[in-house]
């Protein structure tokens, strides 16, 4: 962790907030869910793809990269992986 005597020169937090990424994920989700509503029948095989796309969307929502540059070192953290 950053020690008290280190001076922070730069700090940044980046997230996946590109509009084209969210449109792509929304189109993917709609293409998976649309067959259920168009046939007016319950499709049992929809659960696995729906869970997978939900996990992908949740991953992009919680993922962020934190960067701190001090006079002694560069620190980074890529959540939720590191």
PDB file of N, CA and C in Angstrom:
ATOM      1  N   UNK A   1       0.842  -1.178   0.000  1.00  0.00           N
ATOM      2  CA  UNK A   1       0.000   0.000   0.000  1.00  0.00           C
ATOM      3  C   UNK A   1       0.892   1.248   0.000  1.00  0.00           C
ATOM      4  N   UNK A   2       0.320   2.371  -0.283  1.00  0.00           N
ATOM      5  CA  UNK A   2       1.086   3.610  -0.365  1.00  0.00           C
ATOM      6  C   UNK A   2       1.463   4.076   1.035  1.00  0.00           C
ATOM      7  N   UNK A   3       2.735   4.349   1.220  1.00  0.00           N
ATOM      8  CA  UNK A   3       3.211   4.827   2.508  1.00  0.00           C
ATOM      9  C   UNK A   3       2.863   6.303   2.655  1.00  0.00           C
ATOM     10  N   UNK A   4       2.853   6.788   3.893  1.00  0.00           N
ATOM     11  CA  UNK A   4       2.448   8.161   4.177  1.00  0.00           C
ATOM     12  C   UNK A   4       3.412   9.195   3.604  1.00  0.00           C
ATOM     13  N   UNK A   5       4.719   8.898   3.542  1.00  0.00           N
ATOM     14  CA  UNK A   5       5.670   9.906   3.084  1.00  0.00           C
ATOM     15  C   UNK A   5       5.728  10.034   1.560  1.00  0.00           C
ATOM     16  N   UNK A   6       5.057   9.141   0.835  1.00  0.00           N
ATOM     17  CA  UNK A   6       5.035   9.237  -0.621  1.00  0.00           C
ATOM     18  C   UNK A   6       4.015  10.287  -1.055  1.00  0.00           C
ATOM     19  N   UNK A   7       4.416  11.109  -1.991  1.00  0.00           N
ATOM     20  CA  UNK A   7       3.529  12.137  -2.505  1.00  0.00           C
ATOM     21  C   UNK A   7       2.842  11.614  -3.766  1.00  0.00           C
ATOM     22  N   UNK A   8       1.508  11.690  -3.809  1.00  0.00           N
ATOM     23  CA  UNK A   8       0.762  11.230  -4.977  1.00  0.00           C
ATOM     24  C   UNK A   8       0.840  12.308  -6.055  1.00  0.00           C
ATOM     25  N   UNK A   9       1.422  11.924  -7.202  1.00  0.00           N
ATOM     26  CA  UNK A   9       1.557  12.856  -8.314  1.00  0.00           C
ATOM     27  C   UNK A   9       0.381  12.763  -9.282  1.00  0.00           C
ATOM     28  N   UNK A  10      -0.212  11.573  -9.396  1.00  0.00           N
ATOM     29  CA  UNK A  10      -1.305  11.358 -10.328  1.00  0.00           C
ATOM     30  C   UNK A  10      -2.165  10.209  -9.828  1.00  0.00           C
ATOM     31  N   UNK A  11      -3.455  10.353  -9.963  1.00  0.00           N
ATOM     32  CA  UNK A  11      -4.389   9.309  -9.572  1.00  0.00           C
ATOM     33  C   UNK A  11      -5.533   9.285 -10.581  1.00  0.00           C
ATOM     34  N   UNK A  12      -5.943   8.070 -10.983  1.00  0.00           N
ATOM     35  CA  UNK A  12      -6.983   7.956 -11.997  1.00  0.00           C
ATOM     36  C   UNK A  12      -7.772   6.672 -11.780  1.00  0.00           C
ATOM     37  N   UNK A  13      -9.074   6.736 -12.073  1.00  0.00           N
ATOM     38  CA  UNK A  13      -9.938   5.561 -12.046  1.00  0.00           C
ATOM     39  C   UNK A  13     -10.614   5.459 -13.403  1.00  0.00           C
ATOM     40  N   UNK A  14     -10.485   4.290 -14.044  1.00  0.00           N
ATOM     41  CA  UNK A  14     -11.102   4.071 -15.350  1.00  0.00           C
ATOM     42  C   UNK A  14     -12.139   2.964 -15.234  1.00  0.00           C
ATOM     43  N   UNK A  15     -13.251   3.143 -15.959  1.00  0.00           N
ATOM     44  CA  UNK A  15     -14.319   2.152 -15.985  1.00  0.00           C
ATOM     45  C   UNK A  15     -14.762   1.935 -17.425  1.00  0.00           C
ATOM     46  N   UNK A  16     -15.468   0.832 -17.654  1.00  0.00           N
ATOM     47  CA  UNK A  16     -16.039   0.568 -18.970  1.00  0.00           C
ATOM     48  C   UNK A  16     -17.334   1.368 -19.096  1.00  0.00           C
ATOM     49  N   UNK A  17     -17.264   2.545 -19.669  1.00  0.00           N
ATOM     50  CA  UNK A  17     -18.438   3.388 -19.818  1.00  0.00           C
ATOM     51  C   UNK A  17     -18.636   3.847 -21.267  1.00  0.00           C
ATOM     52  N   UNK A  18     -18.077   3.126 -22.212  1.00  0.00           N
ATOM     53  CA  UNK A  18     -18.224   3.484 -23.627  1.00  0.00           C
ATOM     54  C   UNK A  18     -19.639   3.145 -24.083  1.00  0.00           C
ATOM     55  N   UNK A  19     -20.286   4.082 -24.749  1.00  0.00           N
ATOM     56  CA  UNK A  19     -21.673   3.885 -25.171  1.00  0.00           C
ATOM     57  C   UNK A  19     -21.796   2.711 -26.130  1.00  0.00           C
ATOM     58  N   UNK A  20     -20.825   2.500 -27.013  1.00  0.00           N
ATOM     59  CA  UNK A  20     -20.912   1.424 -27.998  1.00  0.00           C
ATOM     60  C   UNK A  20     -20.838   0.051 -27.340  1.00  0.00           C
ATOM     61  N   UNK A  21     -20.117  -0.045 -26.223  1.00  0.00           N
ATOM     62  CA  UNK A  21     -20.021  -1.315 -25.506  1.00  0.00           C
ATOM     63  C   UNK A  21     -21.369  -1.689 -24.904  1.00  0.00           C
ATOM     64  N   UNK A  22     -22.061  -0.720 -24.319  1.00  0.00           N
ATOM     65  CA  UNK A  22     -23.349  -0.985 -23.696  1.00  0.00           C
ATOM     66  C   UNK A  22     -24.419  -1.277 -24.741  1.00  0.00           C
ATOM     67  N   UNK A  23     -24.328  -0.638 -25.907  1.00  0.00           N
ATOM     68  CA  UNK A  23     -25.257  -0.952 -26.991  1.00  0.00           C
ATOM     69  C   UNK A  23     -25.024  -2.384 -27.471  1.00  0.00           C
ATOM     70  N   UNK A  24     -23.769  -2.774 -27.611  1.00  0.00           N
ATOM     71  CA  UNK A  24     -23.442  -4.136 -28.028  1.00  0.00           C
ATOM     72  C   UNK A  24     -23.956  -5.165 -27.023  1.00  0.00           C
ATOM     73  N   UNK A  25     -23.762  -4.907 -25.740  1.00  0.00           N
ATOM     74  CA  UNK A  25     -24.246  -5.835 -24.711  1.00  0.00           C
ATOM     75  C   UNK A  25     -25.777  -5.871 -24.675  1.00  0.00           C
ATOM     76  N   UNK A  26     -26.421  -4.720 -24.881  1.00  0.00           N
ATOM     77  CA  UNK A  26     -27.885  -4.684 -24.909  1.00  0.00           C
ATOM     78  C   UNK A  26     -28.424  -5.465 -26.105  1.00  0.00           C
ATOM     79  N   UNK A  27     -27.792  -5.313 -27.262  1.00  0.00           N
ATOM     80  CA  UNK A  27     -28.220  -6.070 -28.438  1.00  0.00           C
ATOM     81  C   UNK A  27     -28.044  -7.572 -28.227  1.00  0.00           C
ATOM     82  N   UNK A  28     -26.972  -7.944 -27.585  1.00  0.00           N
ATOM     83  CA  UNK A  28     -26.744  -9.350 -27.279  1.00  0.00           C
ATOM     84  C   UNK A  28     -27.812  -9.882 -26.329  1.00  0.00           C
ATOM     85  N   UNK A  29     -28.135  -9.105 -25.309  1.00  0.00           N
ATOM     86  CA  UNK A  29     -29.164  -9.525 -24.353  1.00  0.00           C
ATOM     87  C   UNK A  29     -30.528  -9.629 -25.027  1.00  0.00           C
ATOM     88  N   UNK A  30     -30.864  -8.664 -25.875  1.00  0.00           N
ATOM     89  CA  UNK A  30     -32.154  -8.705 -26.570  1.00  0.00           C
ATOM     90  C   UNK A  30     -32.214  -9.891 -27.526  1.00  0.00           C
ATOM     91  N   UNK A  31     -31.122 -10.179 -28.212  1.00  0.00           N
ATOM     92  CA  UNK A  31     -31.127 -11.315 -29.136  1.00  0.00           C
ATOM     93  C   UNK A  31     -31.278 -12.653 -28.414  1.00  0.00           C
ATOM     94  N   UNK A  32     -30.902 -12.707 -27.167  1.00  0.00           N
ATOM     95  CA  UNK A  32     -31.073 -13.938 -26.388  1.00  0.00           C
ATOM     96  C   UNK A  32     -32.485 -14.027 -25.820  1.00  0.00           C
ATOM     97  N   UNK A  33     -33.033 -12.908 -25.369  1.00  0.00           N
ATOM     98  CA  UNK A  33     -34.322 -12.913 -24.689  1.00  0.00           C
ATOM     99  C   UNK A  33     -35.500 -12.814 -25.671  1.00  0.00           C
ATOM    100  N   UNK A  34     -35.314 -12.201 -26.831  1.00  0.00           N
ATOM    101  CA  UNK A  34     -36.401 -11.966 -27.783  1.00  0.00           C
ATOM    102  C   UNK A  34     -37.146 -13.232 -28.206  1.00  0.00           C
ATOM    103  N   UNK A  35     -36.485 -14.349 -28.489  1.00  0.00           N
ATOM    104  CA  UNK A  35     -37.232 -15.548 -28.894  1.00  0.00           C
ATOM    105  C   UNK A  35     -38.258 -16.018 -27.866  1.00  0.00           C
ATOM    106  N   UNK A  36     -38.020 -15.772 -26.604  1.00  0.00           N
ATOM    107  CA  UNK A  36     -38.970 -16.180 -25.568  1.00  0.00           C
ATOM    108  C   UNK A  36     -40.267 -15.393 -25.711  1.00  0.00           C
ATOM    109  N   UNK A  37     -40.169 -14.083 -25.945  1.00  0.00           N
ATOM    110  CA  UNK A  37     -41.353 -13.249 -26.019  1.00  0.00           C
ATOM    111  C   UNK A  37     -42.035 -13.305 -27.386  1.00  0.00           C
ATOM    112  N   UNK A  38     -41.305 -13.617 -28.429  1.00  0.00           N
ATOM    113  CA  UNK A  38     -41.902 -13.665 -29.758  1.00  0.00           C
ATOM    114  C   UNK A  38     -42.737 -14.923 -29.969  1.00  0.00           C
ATOM    115  N   UNK A  39     -42.369 -16.039 -29.349  1.00  0.00           N
ATOM    116  CA  UNK A  39     -43.113 -17.291 -29.497  1.00  0.00           C
ATOM    117  C   UNK A  39     -44.242 -17.428 -28.487  1.00  0.00           C
ATOM    118  N   UNK A  40     -44.261 -16.588 -27.490  1.00  0.00           N
ATOM    119  CA  UNK A  40     -45.247 -16.644 -26.408  1.00  0.00           C
ATOM    120  C   UNK A  40     -45.246 -18.008 -25.731  1.00  0.00           C
ATOM    121  N   UNK A  41     -44.108 -18.650 -25.764  1.00  0.00           N
ATOM    122  CA  UNK A  41     -43.941 -19.927 -25.084  1.00  0.00           C
ATOM    123  C   UNK A  41     -42.733 -19.839 -24.169  1.00  0.00           C
ATOM    124  N   UNK A  42     -42.774 -20.623 -23.142  1.00  0.00           N
ATOM    125  CA  UNK A  42     -41.638 -20.664 -22.232  1.00  0.00           C
ATOM    126  C   UNK A  42     -40.564 -21.578 -22.808  1.00  0.00           C
ATOM    127  N   UNK A  43     -39.382 -21.039 -22.968  1.00  0.00           N
ATOM    128  CA  UNK A  43     -38.267 -21.816 -23.496  1.00  0.00           C
ATOM    129  C   UNK A  43     -37.327 -22.125 -22.336  1.00  0.00           C
ATOM    130  N   UNK A  44     -37.171 -23.398 -22.041  1.00  0.00           N
ATOM    131  CA  UNK A  44     -36.347 -23.782 -20.889  1.00  0.00           C
ATOM    132  C   UNK A  44     -34.860 -23.567 -21.138  1.00  0.00           C
ATOM    133  N   UNK A  45     -34.450 -23.599 -22.383  1.00  0.00           N
ATOM    134  CA  UNK A  45     -33.027 -23.458 -22.695  1.00  0.00           C
ATOM    135  C   UNK A  45     -32.533 -22.026 -22.633  1.00  0.00           C
ATOM    136  N   UNK A  46     -33.370 -21.080 -22.300  1.00  0.00           N
ATOM    137  CA  UNK A  46     -32.976 -19.663 -22.278  1.00  0.00           C
ATOM    138  C   UNK A  46     -32.193 -19.322 -21.010  1.00  0.00           C
ATOM    139  N   UNK A  47     -32.287 -20.124 -19.976  1.00  0.00           N
ATOM    140  CA  UNK A  47     -31.694 -19.764 -18.687  1.00  0.00           C
ATOM    141  C   UNK A  47     -30.176 -19.693 -18.718  1.00  0.00           C
ATOM    142  N   UNK A  48     -29.532 -20.639 -19.338  1.00  0.00           N
ATOM    143  CA  UNK A  48     -28.064 -20.639 -19.346  1.00  0.00           C
ATOM    144  C   UNK A  48     -27.512 -19.434 -20.112  1.00  0.00           C
ATOM    145  N   UNK A  49     -27.980 -19.142 -21.334  1.00  0.00           N
ATOM    146  CA  UNK A  49     -27.483 -17.932 -22.007  1.00  0.00           C
ATOM    147  C   UNK A  49     -27.849 -16.642 -21.269  1.00  0.00           C
ATOM    148  N   UNK A  50     -29.039 -16.607 -20.657  1.00  0.00           N
ATOM    149  CA  UNK A  50     -29.445 -15.409 -19.918  1.00  0.00           C
ATOM    150  C   UNK A  50     -28.545 -15.186 -18.703  1.00  0.00           C
ATOM    151  N   UNK A  51     -28.186 -16.248 -18.027  1.00  0.00           N
ATOM    152  CA  UNK A  51     -27.287 -16.129 -16.870  1.00  0.00           C
ATOM    153  C   UNK A  51     -25.897 -15.691 -17.325  1.00  0.00           C
ATOM    154  N   UNK A  52     -25.434 -16.247 -18.428  1.00  0.00           N
ATOM    155  CA  UNK A  52     -24.105 -15.884 -18.929  1.00  0.00           C
ATOM    156  C   UNK A  52     -24.046 -14.412 -19.322  1.00  0.00           C
ATOM    157  N   UNK A  53     -25.041 -13.913 -20.069  1.00  0.00           N
ATOM    158  CA  UNK A  53     -25.026 -12.503 -20.465  1.00  0.00           C
ATOM    159  C   UNK A  53     -25.200 -11.603 -19.246  1.00  0.00           C
ATOM    160  N   UNK A  54     -25.965 -12.032 -18.258  1.00  0.00           N
ATOM    161  CA  UNK A  54     -26.102 -11.250 -17.022  1.00  0.00           C
ATOM    162  C   UNK A  54     -24.773 -11.153 -16.279  1.00  0.00           C
ATOM    163  N   UNK A  55     -24.026 -12.239 -16.243  1.00  0.00           N
ATOM    164  CA  UNK A  55     -22.713 -12.216 -15.590  1.00  0.00           C
ATOM    165  C   UNK A  55     -21.727 -11.329 -16.354  1.00  0.00           C
ATOM    166  N   UNK A  56     -21.793 -11.355 -17.677  1.00  0.00           N
ATOM    167  CA  UNK A  56     -20.915 -10.498 -18.474  1.00  0.00           C
ATOM    168  C   UNK A  56     -21.233  -9.029 -18.227  1.00  0.00           C
ATOM    169  N   UNK A  57     -22.516  -8.683 -18.211  1.00  0.00           N
ATOM    170  CA  UNK A  57     -22.913  -7.297 -17.947  1.00  0.00           C
ATOM    171  C   UNK A  57     -22.498  -6.878 -16.541  1.00  0.00           C
ATOM    172  N   UNK A  58     -22.697  -7.748 -15.555  1.00  0.00           N
ATOM    173  CA  UNK A  58     -22.286  -7.439 -14.178  1.00  0.00           C
ATOM    174  C   UNK A  58     -20.774  -7.253 -14.088  1.00  0.00           C
ATOM    175  N   UNK A  59     -20.014  -8.073 -14.829  1.00  0.00           N
ATOM    176  CA  UNK A  59     -18.559  -7.934 -14.832  1.00  0.00           C
ATOM    177  C   UNK A  59     -18.141  -6.557 -15.347  1.00  0.00           C
ATOM    178  N   UNK A  60     -18.752  -6.107 -16.453  1.00  0.00           N
ATOM    179  CA  UNK A  60     -18.413  -4.798 -16.992  1.00  0.00           C
ATOM    180  C   UNK A  60     -18.867  -3.665 -16.070  1.00  0.00           C
ATOM    181  N   UNK A  61     -19.933  -3.867 -15.310  1.00  0.00           N
ATOM    182  CA  UNK A  61     -20.395  -2.834 -14.387  1.00  0.00           C
ATOM    183  C   UNK A  61     -19.456  -2.650 -13.191  1.00  0.00           C
ATOM    184  N   UNK A  62     -18.886  -3.752 -12.684  1.00  0.00           N
ATOM    185  CA  UNK A  62     -18.056  -3.643 -11.476  1.00  0.00           C
ATOM    186  C   UNK A  62     -16.570  -3.513 -11.773  1.00  0.00           C
ATOM    187  N   UNK A  63     -16.169  -3.724 -13.025  1.00  0.00           N
ATOM    188  CA  UNK A  63     -14.750  -3.673 -13.364  1.00  0.00           C
ATOM    189  C   UNK A  63     -14.256  -2.231 -13.407  1.00  0.00           C
ATOM    190  N   UNK A  64     -13.113  -2.005 -12.792  1.00  0.00           N
ATOM    191  CA  UNK A  64     -12.472  -0.693 -12.856  1.00  0.00           C
ATOM    192  C   UNK A  64     -10.974  -0.853 -12.652  1.00  0.00           C
ATOM    193  N   UNK A  65     -10.244   0.113 -13.162  1.00  0.00           N
ATOM    194  CA  UNK A  65      -8.792   0.115 -12.999  1.00  0.00           C
ATOM    195  C   UNK A  65      -8.395   1.400 -12.281  1.00  0.00           C
ATOM    196  N   UNK A  66      -7.698   1.233 -11.180  1.00  0.00           N
ATOM    197  CA  UNK A  66      -7.213   2.369 -10.398  1.00  0.00           C
ATOM    198  C   UNK A  66      -5.704   2.476 -10.584  1.00  0.00           C
ATOM    199  N   UNK A  67      -5.235   3.677 -10.867  1.00  0.00           N
ATOM    200  CA  UNK A  67      -3.811   3.916 -11.069  1.00  0.00           C
ATOM    201  C   UNK A  67      -3.380   5.073 -10.164  1.00  0.00           C
ATOM    202  N   UNK A  68      -2.262   4.889  -9.485  1.00  0.00           N
ATOM    203  CA  UNK A  68      -1.678   5.952  -8.664  1.00  0.00           C
ATOM    204  C   UNK A  68      -0.188   6.032  -8.960  1.00  0.00           C
ATOM    205  N   UNK A  69       0.268   7.223  -9.235  1.00  0.00           N
ATOM    206  CA  UNK A  69       1.681   7.465  -9.477  1.00  0.00           C
ATOM    207  C   UNK A  69       2.184   8.338  -8.336  1.00  0.00           C
ATOM    208  N   UNK A  70       3.209   7.838  -7.638  1.00  0.00           N
ATOM    209  CA  UNK A  70       3.818   8.618  -6.563  1.00  0.00           C
ATOM    210  C   UNK A  70       5.241   8.972  -6.967  1.00  0.00           C
ATOM    211  N   UNK A  71       5.906   9.683  -6.094  1.00  0.00           N
ATOM    212  CA  UNK A  71       7.295  10.037  -6.394  1.00  0.00           C
ATOM    213  C   UNK A  71       8.234   8.838  -6.277  1.00  0.00           C
ATOM    214  N   UNK A  72       7.746   7.699  -5.758  1.00  0.00           N
ATOM    215  CA  UNK A  72       8.599   6.521  -5.595  1.00  0.00           C
ATOM    216  C   UNK A  72       8.170   5.318  -6.443  1.00  0.00           C
ATOM    217  N   UNK A  73       6.901   5.238  -6.828  1.00  0.00           N
ATOM    218  CA  UNK A  73       6.428   4.031  -7.526  1.00  0.00           C
ATOM    219  C   UNK A  73       5.140   4.297  -8.282  1.00  0.00           C
ATOM    220  N   UNK A  74       4.750   3.302  -9.066  1.00  0.00           N
ATOM    221  CA  UNK A  74       3.471   3.318  -9.767  1.00  0.00           C
ATOM    222  C   UNK A  74       2.652   2.145  -9.234  1.00  0.00           C
ATOM    223  N   UNK A  75       1.442   2.433  -8.790  1.00  0.00           N
ATOM    224  CA  UNK A  75       0.555   1.411  -8.247  1.00  0.00           C
ATOM    225  C   UNK A  75      -0.661   1.293  -9.154  1.00  0.00           C
ATOM    226  N   UNK A  76      -1.117   0.062  -9.354  1.00  0.00           N
ATOM    227  CA  UNK A  76      -2.343  -0.140 -10.119  1.00  0.00           C
ATOM    228  C   UNK A  76      -3.142  -1.266  -9.492  1.00  0.00           C
ATOM    229  N   UNK A  77      -4.433  -1.218  -9.729  1.00  0.00           N
ATOM    230  CA  UNK A  77      -5.326  -2.261  -9.250  1.00  0.00           C
ATOM    231  C   UNK A  77      -6.452  -2.404 -10.265  1.00  0.00           C
ATOM    232  N   UNK A  78      -6.635  -3.600 -10.771  1.00  0.00           N
ATOM    233  CA  UNK A  78      -7.673  -3.891 -11.762  1.00  0.00           C
ATOM    234  C   UNK A  78      -8.719  -4.752 -11.083  1.00  0.00           C
ATOM    235  N   UNK A  79      -9.780  -4.100 -10.622  1.00  0.00           N
ATOM    236  CA  UNK A  79     -10.835  -4.804  -9.899  1.00  0.00           C
ATOM    237  C   UNK A  79     -11.806  -5.427 -10.877  1.00  0.00           C
ATOM    238  N   UNK A  80     -12.303  -6.565 -10.675  1.00  0.00           N
ATOM    239  CA  UNK A  80     -12.193  -7.466  -9.536  1.00  0.00           C
ATOM    240  C   UNK A  80     -11.088  -8.502  -9.654  1.00  0.00           C
ATOM    241  N   UNK A  81     -10.203  -8.366 -10.628  1.00  0.00           N
ATOM    242  CA  UNK A  81      -9.189  -9.397 -10.856  1.00  0.00           C
ATOM    243  C   UNK A  81      -8.006  -9.310  -9.913  1.00  0.00           C
ATOM    244  N   UNK A  82      -7.566  -8.107  -9.592  1.00  0.00           N
ATOM    245  CA  UNK A  82      -6.400  -7.973  -8.720  1.00  0.00           C
ATOM    246  C   UNK A  82      -6.816  -7.233  -7.462  1.00  0.00           C
TER     247      UNK A  82
END
